[in-house]
């Protein structure tokens, strides 16, 4: 396996790897048709085996405090994407990508990494194994059909919302017990020693 910098010609392989990796997670419908470009500087890595992109990790990082990360003190980096192609899972690819990213982050004088994920227990356990700590959370709510009743309205004539993706940051999550699809979105953070 080779871990190297992402190149523009990797885009299709990057997209395929990400889509396949996300299929069996609560992010299954978070499909991209092009790789994101970041506003701030970034560490963009891929893992390659025999010319196939089998893993990826993107970290956008700060050169000015509080411009990328949502919390913490000092300069941090936000892990926007980390994925391993399911045919290559459990071979240490994610850990290898993270180690390279952490080394580069240290060289850039970052003091921490931050990552947000949903309530997939195996993903959360992976972050904890990699010495990240859970530090915050809120909810992603997908409202459709009758779940929209008395929750979403509009004052625009002839506009009829049929679905909604929303962030809920309150404490009364029980009011959404009838919501078919809701996910706790969890923030993990790792400070460097």
Protein backbone atom coordinates (compact mmCIF):
# COMPACT_ATOMS: atom_id res chain seq x y z
CA UNK A 1 0.00 0.00 0.00
CA UNK A 2 1.15 3.51 -0.85
CA UNK A 3 -0.09 6.55 1.09
CA UNK A 4 0.45 9.72 -0.90
CA UNK A 5 -0.91 13.16 -1.67
CA UNK A 6 -4.21 13.32 -3.55
CA UNK A 7 -3.89 14.40 -7.22
CA UNK A 8 -6.66 15.75 -9.46
CA UNK A 9 -6.51 12.62 -11.61
CA UNK A 10 -7.48 10.57 -8.51
CA UNK A 11 -10.93 12.19 -8.38
CA UNK A 12 -12.99 9.31 -9.85
CA UNK A 13 -11.22 6.75 -7.67
CA UNK A 14 -11.64 9.02 -4.63
CA UNK A 15 -15.38 9.37 -5.34
CA UNK A 16 -15.87 5.63 -5.84
CA UNK A 17 -13.99 4.80 -2.65
CA UNK A 18 -16.00 7.32 -0.62
CA UNK A 19 -19.39 6.19 -1.98
CA UNK A 20 -18.66 2.51 -1.39
CA UNK A 21 -17.26 3.16 2.08
CA UNK A 22 -20.31 5.20 3.11
CA UNK A 23 -22.93 2.73 1.78
CA UNK A 24 -23.14 0.72 5.00
CA UNK A 25 -23.15 3.74 7.31
CA UNK A 26 -25.77 6.28 8.36
CA UNK A 27 -24.21 8.59 5.74
CA UNK A 28 -25.34 6.23 2.95
CA UNK A 29 -27.11 8.97 1.02
CA UNK A 30 -24.36 11.58 1.35
CA UNK A 31 -23.19 11.11 -2.24
CA UNK A 32 -20.80 13.52 -3.96
CA UNK A 33 -20.28 13.75 -7.71
CA UNK A 34 -17.07 15.76 -7.39
CA UNK A 35 -14.41 16.11 -4.74
CA UNK A 36 -14.72 19.20 -2.59
CA UNK A 37 -12.24 22.06 -2.72
CA UNK A 38 -11.41 23.64 0.62
CA UNK A 39 -11.38 27.33 1.51
CA UNK A 40 -8.37 26.90 3.79
CA UNK A 41 -5.20 24.87 3.48
CA UNK A 42 -5.62 21.12 3.58
CA UNK A 43 -3.95 17.75 3.94
CA UNK A 44 -5.46 15.48 1.27
CA UNK A 45 -4.23 11.88 1.25
CA UNK A 46 -5.11 8.70 -0.59
CA UNK A 47 -4.10 5.10 -0.03
CA UNK A 48 -3.43 3.18 -3.21
CA UNK A 49 -3.02 -0.54 -3.90
CA UNK A 50 -2.20 -1.66 -7.45
CA UNK A 51 -3.45 1.63 -8.90
CA UNK A 52 -6.78 1.52 -7.01
CA UNK A 53 -7.73 4.21 -4.48
CA UNK A 54 -8.62 2.12 -1.41
CA UNK A 55 -8.65 4.86 1.24
CA UNK A 56 -8.78 8.61 1.62
CA UNK A 57 -8.46 11.26 4.28
CA UNK A 58 -9.03 15.01 3.94
CA UNK A 59 -8.14 17.49 6.70
CA UNK A 60 -8.77 21.21 6.29
CA UNK A 61 -6.64 23.10 8.77
CA UNK A 62 -6.33 26.47 10.42
CA UNK A 63 -3.57 29.01 10.09
CA UNK A 64 -5.70 31.36 12.17
CA UNK A 65 -7.50 30.05 15.26
CA UNK A 66 -11.25 29.28 15.01
CA UNK A 67 -11.49 29.54 11.22
CA UNK A 68 -12.10 25.83 10.47
CA UNK A 69 -12.74 23.88 13.67
CA UNK A 70 -15.88 24.28 15.74
CA UNK A 71 -14.22 24.14 19.15
CA UNK A 72 -10.92 24.00 21.02
CA UNK A 73 -8.00 26.36 21.50
CA UNK A 74 -5.01 26.78 19.24
CA UNK A 75 -4.72 25.74 15.61
CA UNK A 76 -6.67 22.65 14.63
CA UNK A 77 -7.57 20.55 11.65
CA UNK A 78 -11.01 19.26 10.68
CA UNK A 79 -11.26 15.75 9.25
CA UNK A 80 -13.90 16.20 6.56
CA UNK A 81 -13.56 12.79 4.95
CA UNK A 82 -12.02 9.51 5.97
CA UNK A 83 -13.03 6.36 4.13
CA UNK A 84 -11.74 2.91 3.29
CA UNK A 85 -13.04 0.90 0.33
CA UNK A 86 -15.05 -1.99 1.88
CA UNK A 87 -13.13 -4.63 -0.12
CA UNK A 88 -9.97 -3.48 1.70
CA UNK A 89 -11.42 -2.98 5.20
CA UNK A 90 -9.66 -4.12 8.36
CA UNK A 91 -6.19 -3.92 6.84
CA UNK A 92 -5.02 -0.84 8.78
CA UNK A 93 -5.60 1.57 5.89
CA UNK A 94 -7.59 4.12 7.92
CA UNK A 95 -5.07 4.01 10.73
CA UNK A 96 -2.21 4.41 8.27
CA UNK A 97 -3.85 7.45 6.67
CA UNK A 98 -4.50 8.97 10.10
CA UNK A 99 -0.88 8.48 11.21
CA UNK A 100 0.43 10.25 8.11
CA UNK A 101 -2.11 13.08 8.58
CA UNK A 102 -1.15 13.45 12.26
CA UNK A 103 2.55 13.62 11.37
CA UNK A 104 1.84 16.37 8.83
CA UNK A 105 -0.44 18.18 11.28
CA UNK A 106 2.36 18.19 13.86
CA UNK A 107 4.79 19.56 11.26
CA UNK A 108 2.26 22.36 10.61
CA UNK A 109 2.13 23.16 14.35
CA UNK A 110 -1.49 22.09 14.71
CA UNK A 111 -2.37 21.00 18.22
CA UNK A 112 -5.42 18.85 17.49
CA UNK A 113 -7.73 17.18 15.01
CA UNK A 114 -11.51 17.37 15.13
CA UNK A 115 -13.96 15.00 13.41
CA UNK A 116 -17.74 14.81 13.30
CA UNK A 117 -19.47 11.49 12.66
CA UNK A 118 -22.88 9.98 13.18
CA UNK A 119 -24.09 7.24 15.49
CA UNK A 120 -22.50 4.25 13.75
CA UNK A 121 -21.03 2.48 16.79
CA UNK A 122 -18.20 0.82 14.84
CA UNK A 123 -17.06 4.22 13.52
CA UNK A 124 -17.21 5.73 17.01
CA UNK A 125 -15.21 2.80 18.40
CA UNK A 126 -12.59 3.34 15.68
CA UNK A 127 -12.16 7.01 16.69
CA UNK A 128 -11.88 6.00 20.34
CA UNK A 129 -9.30 3.34 19.44
CA UNK A 130 -7.35 6.09 17.64
CA UNK A 131 -7.36 8.07 20.95
CA UNK A 132 -10.04 10.63 20.04
CA UNK A 133 -12.42 11.77 22.77
CA UNK A 134 -16.12 12.51 22.32
CA UNK A 135 -16.64 16.18 23.17
CA UNK A 136 -19.98 17.31 21.72
CA UNK A 137 -23.09 16.19 19.83
CA UNK A 138 -26.36 17.30 18.26
CA UNK A 139 -28.92 15.61 15.98
CA UNK A 140 -29.44 15.30 12.24
CA UNK A 141 -33.17 14.97 11.51
CA UNK A 142 -34.69 13.85 8.22
CA UNK A 143 -38.37 14.74 8.15
CA UNK A 144 -40.63 13.43 5.40
CA UNK A 145 -44.36 13.20 4.72
CA UNK A 146 -46.46 13.40 7.89
CA UNK A 147 -43.32 14.02 9.97
CA UNK A 148 -43.35 17.52 8.46
CA UNK A 149 -46.83 18.29 9.87
CA UNK A 150 -46.76 21.17 12.36
CA UNK A 151 -42.96 21.23 12.22
CA UNK A 152 -42.07 22.88 8.94
CA UNK A 153 -43.98 25.71 7.35
CA UNK A 154 -43.34 28.31 4.71
CA UNK A 155 -44.70 31.77 4.02
CA UNK A 156 -43.99 31.49 0.29
CA UNK A 157 -47.19 30.99 -1.73
CA UNK A 158 -47.39 27.73 -3.69
CA UNK A 159 -44.30 26.24 -2.06
CA UNK A 160 -44.96 22.93 -0.31
CA UNK A 161 -42.06 21.37 1.62
CA UNK A 162 -42.08 17.58 1.27
CA UNK A 163 -38.89 16.75 3.14
CA UNK A 164 -36.32 18.41 5.35
CA UNK A 165 -32.80 17.79 6.60
CA UNK A 166 -32.28 19.73 9.81
CA UNK A 167 -29.85 20.16 12.69
CA UNK A 168 -31.40 19.96 16.15
CA UNK A 169 -29.18 21.36 18.90
CA UNK A 170 -31.78 21.40 21.69
CA UNK A 171 -32.23 19.03 24.62
CA UNK A 172 -35.79 17.80 23.97
CA UNK A 173 -35.03 15.07 21.41
CA UNK A 174 -38.05 13.07 22.68
CA UNK A 175 -40.33 15.35 20.65
CA UNK A 176 -38.89 13.60 17.59
CA UNK A 177 -39.52 10.02 18.76
CA UNK A 178 -41.88 9.52 15.81
CA UNK A 179 -39.21 10.58 13.32
CA UNK A 180 -38.14 7.63 11.21
CA UNK A 181 -34.63 8.85 10.52
CA UNK A 182 -32.61 10.75 13.11
CA UNK A 183 -28.93 10.46 13.88
CA UNK A 184 -26.82 11.75 16.70
CA UNK A 185 -23.94 13.66 15.15
CA UNK A 186 -20.92 13.32 17.44
CA UNK A 187 -17.76 15.41 17.63
CA UNK A 188 -14.47 13.67 18.38
CA UNK A 189 -11.29 15.53 19.18
CA UNK A 190 -7.68 14.47 19.56
CA UNK A 191 -5.02 16.72 21.04
CA UNK A 192 -1.41 16.00 20.19
CA UNK A 193 1.06 15.45 22.98
